[in-house]
Amino acid sequence: MPPTIHCVRHAQGYHNLSIANESLHDPSLTLHGEEQCRTLSDRFPSHNKIDLIVTSPIRRCIYTSLLGFKPALNRGVRVVALPEIQEASDLPCDTGSSVETLSQEFKDQEAVDLSLVHERWNSKEGKWLPTSDAIEARCIEARRWLKARPEKEIVMVTHGGLLHYLTEDWTESGKFSGTGWENTEFRTYSFLNDNTEDARMSETTESKKRRRGSERSLTKTERMELRETAKKNWEQHDQQIQGTL
């Protein structure tokens, strides 16, 4: 039986404060972001069911994992960093630190497992290109990895932009800056029984009701149209930001 995945967007980082701050390299959480993690810890209903925490190796996600899921960590649950779920763009704020830097910073955090993070994971080249095709391929790889895990319930802490590619849900993708996910928002997904290599996921009914009530779900055609529009808007946004650096 494939695991249930609780997808979580990281807490507020310094890059979320202004467009200018998107030029910061791998920024950490703000004080407000740390407070959001404490609120997340209070609101998240399934700490006692979590068997594994998977995180983007970008610092704000690792800290969200450590601060937002302490009850699970206190039970000995590990935090595994997975490069495939790093943020989509190649802006400085979405480019991770070196393996050496991360190893030094989290050396006293026994729960943090960086064994899957290798050199050039943050190069934004080759497999790690910030193109739609490359991002979608990484997300398929990440979903396959998650689907094959032996755990029953997994928390995955990642990024607002990447979450649209990973879940293939583009609803309200422009609600916030580059995403429809609020900081520390969590949604729950299960894998479809379609036996495809893409290992697609679907948000659970309970999760949808928790955040949308009785709102009608979009059709497949509407989801595809949203996807194309969002991708074009994000590409234009990244080009504009890169032009100011």
Protein backbone atom coordinates (compact mmCIF):
# COMPACT_ATOMS: atom_id res chain seq x y z
CA MET A 1 0.00 0.00 0.00
CA PRO A 2 1.61 3.32 -1.07
CA PRO A 3 2.01 5.91 1.68
CA THR A 4 -0.19 8.91 2.36
CA ILE A 5 1.70 12.15 1.66
CA HIS A 6 1.16 15.32 3.69
CA CYS A 7 2.50 18.12 1.46
CA VAL A 8 3.64 21.26 3.28
CA ARG A 9 4.90 24.59 2.00
CA HIS A 10 7.80 26.04 4.01
CA ALA A 11 7.33 28.89 6.49
CA GLN A 12 8.08 32.52 5.61
CA GLY A 13 11.65 33.16 4.52
CA TYR A 14 13.39 36.51 4.12
CA HIS A 15 12.91 36.28 0.35
CA ASN A 16 9.13 36.35 0.90
CA LEU A 17 9.31 39.88 2.33
CA SER A 18 9.99 41.67 -0.96
CA ILE A 19 10.88 41.09 -4.61
CA ALA A 20 14.30 42.61 -3.93
CA ASN A 21 14.98 39.89 -1.36
CA GLU A 22 14.66 37.23 -4.05
CA SER A 23 18.31 38.05 -4.77
CA LEU A 24 19.29 36.57 -1.37
CA HIS A 25 21.02 33.21 -1.64
CA ASP A 26 19.27 30.34 0.20
CA PRO A 27 17.69 32.61 2.83
CA SER A 28 16.58 31.31 6.20
CA LEU A 29 13.28 31.77 8.01
CA THR A 30 12.17 35.10 9.41
CA LEU A 31 11.13 35.37 13.06
CA HIS A 32 7.55 35.34 11.81
CA GLY A 33 8.37 32.20 9.85
CA GLU A 34 9.57 30.53 13.03
CA GLU A 35 6.30 31.51 14.71
CA GLN A 36 4.42 30.03 11.75
CA CYS A 37 6.23 26.75 12.40
CA ARG A 38 5.03 26.72 16.00
CA THR A 39 1.49 27.35 14.79
CA LEU A 40 1.88 24.56 12.22
CA SER A 41 2.97 22.21 14.98
CA ASP A 42 -0.17 23.06 16.95
CA ARG A 43 -2.51 22.72 13.93
CA PHE A 44 -1.13 19.60 12.26
CA PRO A 45 -3.37 16.71 13.33
CA SER A 46 -1.23 13.66 12.55
CA HIS A 47 2.11 13.97 14.39
CA ASN A 48 1.64 10.54 15.98
CA LYS A 49 1.10 8.88 12.58
CA ILE A 50 4.12 10.30 10.74
CA ASP A 51 6.81 7.74 9.89
CA LEU A 52 9.13 9.96 7.82
CA ILE A 53 9.72 13.62 6.97
CA VAL A 54 11.08 14.39 3.50
CA THR A 55 12.36 17.89 2.83
CA SER A 56 13.85 20.02 0.12
CA PRO A 57 17.55 20.54 0.98
CA ILE A 58 17.00 24.32 0.78
CA ARG A 59 17.50 25.74 4.27
CA ARG A 60 14.05 27.23 4.87
CA CYS A 61 12.48 23.81 4.26
CA ILE A 62 14.87 21.99 6.57
CA TYR A 63 14.18 24.50 9.35
CA THR A 64 10.42 24.24 8.76
CA SER A 65 10.74 20.46 9.13
CA LEU A 66 12.71 20.78 12.36
CA LEU A 67 10.54 23.47 13.96
CA GLY A 68 7.13 22.43 12.67
CA PHE A 69 7.24 18.71 13.41
CA LYS A 70 8.99 18.40 16.77
CA PRO A 71 6.45 15.89 18.15
CA ALA A 72 7.39 13.48 15.35
CA LEU A 73 11.11 14.19 15.76
CA ASN A 74 10.84 13.45 19.47
CA ARG A 75 9.66 9.96 18.48
CA GLY A 76 12.80 9.45 16.42
CA VAL A 77 11.35 10.25 12.98
CA ARG A 78 14.05 11.15 10.45
CA VAL A 79 14.23 14.20 8.15
CA VAL A 80 15.52 13.06 4.74
CA ALA A 81 16.63 15.78 2.30
CA LEU A 82 15.57 15.02 -1.29
CA PRO A 83 17.15 17.24 -4.00
CA GLU A 84 14.41 16.46 -6.53
CA ILE A 85 11.94 18.60 -4.56
CA GLN A 86 14.05 21.77 -4.52
CA GLU A 87 12.31 24.92 -5.77
CA ALA A 88 11.64 25.30 -9.48
CA SER A 89 13.44 28.54 -10.39
CA ASP A 90 17.12 29.42 -10.55
CA LEU A 91 16.76 32.69 -8.64
CA PRO A 92 19.35 33.06 -5.86
CA CYS A 93 16.66 32.57 -3.21
CA ASP A 94 15.70 29.24 -4.83
CA THR A 95 19.27 27.98 -5.21
CA GLY A 96 20.50 25.76 -2.40
CA SER A 97 23.75 25.74 -0.47
CA SER A 98 26.61 23.32 -1.02
CA VAL A 99 26.68 19.91 0.62
CA GLU A 100 29.59 21.07 2.78
CA THR A 101 27.70 24.13 4.00
CA LEU A 102 24.59 22.12 4.84
CA SER A 103 26.58 19.39 6.57
CA GLN A 104 28.29 21.96 8.76
CA GLU A 105 25.10 23.86 9.57
CA PHE A 106 23.10 20.78 10.55
CA LYS A 107 25.88 18.66 12.03
CA ASP A 108 24.24 18.76 15.47
CA GLN A 109 20.81 17.79 14.14
CA GLU A 110 20.93 14.00 14.30
CA ALA A 111 17.53 13.68 12.64
CA VAL A 112 18.70 15.37 9.42
CA ASP A 113 19.83 12.92 6.73
CA LEU A 114 21.74 14.53 3.84
CA SER A 115 22.94 11.27 2.28
CA LEU A 116 20.90 11.84 -0.92
CA VAL A 117 22.32 15.35 -1.43
CA HIS A 118 25.32 15.23 -3.74
CA GLU A 119 27.68 17.70 -5.36
CA ARG A 120 26.08 20.00 -7.95
CA TRP A 121 22.55 19.30 -6.72
CA ASN A 122 22.27 23.10 -6.62
CA SER A 123 23.87 23.77 -10.03
CA LYS A 124 20.55 24.39 -11.85
CA GLU A 125 22.14 22.59 -14.81
CA GLY A 126 21.36 19.31 -16.58
CA LYS A 127 18.80 17.39 -14.54
CA TRP A 128 18.40 20.43 -12.30
CA LEU A 129 17.52 22.95 -15.03
CA PRO A 130 14.66 25.36 -14.17
CA THR A 131 12.71 24.41 -17.29
CA SER A 132 9.22 22.95 -17.24
CA ASP A 133 10.33 19.67 -18.81
CA ALA A 134 13.16 19.19 -16.31
CA ILE A 135 10.99 20.17 -13.33
CA GLU A 136 8.22 17.79 -14.38
CA ALA A 137 10.76 14.97 -14.81
CA ARG A 138 12.15 15.61 -11.32
CA CYS A 139 8.66 15.60 -9.86
CA ILE A 140 7.87 12.25 -11.49
CA GLU A 141 11.11 10.89 -10.04
CA ALA A 142 10.21 12.26 -6.59
CA ARG A 143 6.70 10.80 -6.72
CA ARG A 144 8.07 7.38 -7.74
CA TRP A 145 10.53 7.51 -4.84
CA LEU A 146 7.79 8.47 -2.39
CA LYS A 147 5.37 5.83 -3.71
CA ALA A 148 7.96 3.09 -3.23
CA ARG A 149 8.69 4.02 0.40
CA PRO A 150 7.68 1.47 3.06
CA GLU A 151 6.31 4.10 5.47
CA LYS A 152 2.54 4.60 5.82
CA GLU A 153 2.41 8.38 6.30
CA ILE A 154 5.04 10.86 5.12
CA VAL A 155 5.35 14.62 5.57
CA MET A 156 6.97 16.37 2.62
CA VAL A 157 8.16 19.95 3.14
CA THR A 158 8.89 21.78 -0.08
CA HIS A 159 8.17 24.96 -2.06
CA GLY A 160 5.12 26.79 -3.34
CA GLY A 161 6.06 26.72 -7.01
CA LEU A 162 7.31 23.14 -7.01
CA LEU A 163 4.14 21.94 -5.28
CA HIS A 164 2.04 22.81 -8.33
CA TYR A 165 4.25 20.64 -10.54
CA LEU A 166 4.42 17.86 -7.97
CA THR A 167 0.67 17.65 -7.29
CA GLU A 168 -0.37 18.69 -10.83
CA ASP A 169 -2.91 20.98 -9.20
CA TRP A 170 -2.69 24.53 -10.55
CA THR A 171 -5.70 25.96 -8.73
CA GLU A 172 -5.15 29.58 -7.62
CA SER A 173 -1.49 29.36 -8.64
CA GLY A 174 -1.27 33.16 -8.61
CA LYS A 175 -2.99 33.68 -5.25
CA PHE A 176 0.33 34.42 -3.55
CA SER A 177 3.68 35.31 -5.10
CA GLY A 178 4.28 32.45 -7.55
CA THR A 179 2.01 29.96 -5.83
CA GLY A 180 -1.45 29.13 -4.57
CA TRP A 181 -0.02 27.68 -1.34
CA GLU A 182 0.22 29.80 1.78
CA ASN A 183 3.32 29.54 4.00
CA THR A 184 3.04 26.37 6.18
CA GLU A 185 -0.18 25.33 4.44
CA PHE A 186 -0.57 21.55 4.40
CA ARG A 187 -2.64 19.31 2.16
CA THR A 188 -2.94 15.53 2.15
CA TYR A 189 -2.56 13.31 -0.92
CA SER A 190 -2.88 9.66 -1.83
CA PHE A 191 -1.46 7.89 -4.87
CA LEU A 192 -3.82 6.95 -7.69
CA ASN A 193 -4.31 3.29 -8.52
CA ASP A 194 -3.66 3.82 -12.23
CA ASN A 195 -0.41 1.81 -12.47
CA THR A 196 1.26 4.54 -14.56
CA GLU A 197 4.96 5.33 -14.32
CA ASP A 198 4.13 8.94 -13.43
CA ALA A 199 2.95 7.90 -9.92
CA ARG A 200 0.27 10.58 -9.85
CA MET A 201 -1.33 11.75 -6.64
CA SER A 202 -4.75 13.12 -5.76
CA GLU A 203 -5.75 15.31 -2.83
CA THR A 204 -7.92 13.43 -0.35
CA THR A 205 -11.55 14.41 0.09
CA GLU A 206 -10.94 15.27 3.75
CA SER A 207 -8.08 17.59 2.80
CA LYS A 208 -10.18 19.36 0.16
CA LYS A 209 -13.01 19.92 2.60
CA ARG A 210 -10.57 21.25 5.19
CA ARG A 211 -9.46 24.07 2.91
CA ARG A 212 -12.23 24.54 0.33
CA GLY A 213 -15.48 23.36 1.88
CA SER A 214 -17.97 22.44 -0.83
CA GLU A 215 -16.25 24.34 -3.67
CA ARG A 216 -16.42 22.50 -7.01
CA SER A 217 -13.22 20.83 -8.21
CA LEU A 218 -11.85 21.88 -11.61
CA THR A 219 -12.21 19.64 -14.64
CA LYS A 220 -9.14 18.11 -16.30
CA THR A 221 -9.34 20.67 -19.13
CA GLU A 222 -9.53 23.56 -16.66
CA ARG A 223 -6.53 22.20 -14.76
CA MET A 224 -4.47 21.97 -17.95
CA GLU A 225 -5.37 25.53 -18.96
CA LEU A 226 -4.36 26.80 -15.52
CA ARG A 227 -1.09 24.89 -15.77
CA GLU A 228 -0.07 26.54 -19.04
CA THR A 229 -1.06 30.03 -17.89
CA ALA A 230 0.79 29.68 -14.59
CA LYS A 231 3.98 28.43 -16.26
CA LYS A 232 4.02 31.39 -18.67
CA ASN A 233 3.46 33.87 -15.83
CA TRP A 234 6.23 32.36 -13.71
CA GLU A 235 8.71 32.37 -16.60
CA GLN A 236 8.01 36.06 -17.21
CA HIS A 237 8.38 36.81 -13.49
CA ASP A 238 11.75 35.00 -13.25
CA GLN A 239 13.05 36.79 -16.36
CA GLN A 240 12.09 40.16 -14.89
CA ILE A 241 13.82 39.38 -11.59
CA GLN A 242 16.96 38.07 -13.31
CA GLY A 243 17.11 41.30 -15.30
CA THR A 244 17.44 43.32 -12.09
CA LEU A 245 20.27 41.22 -10.56
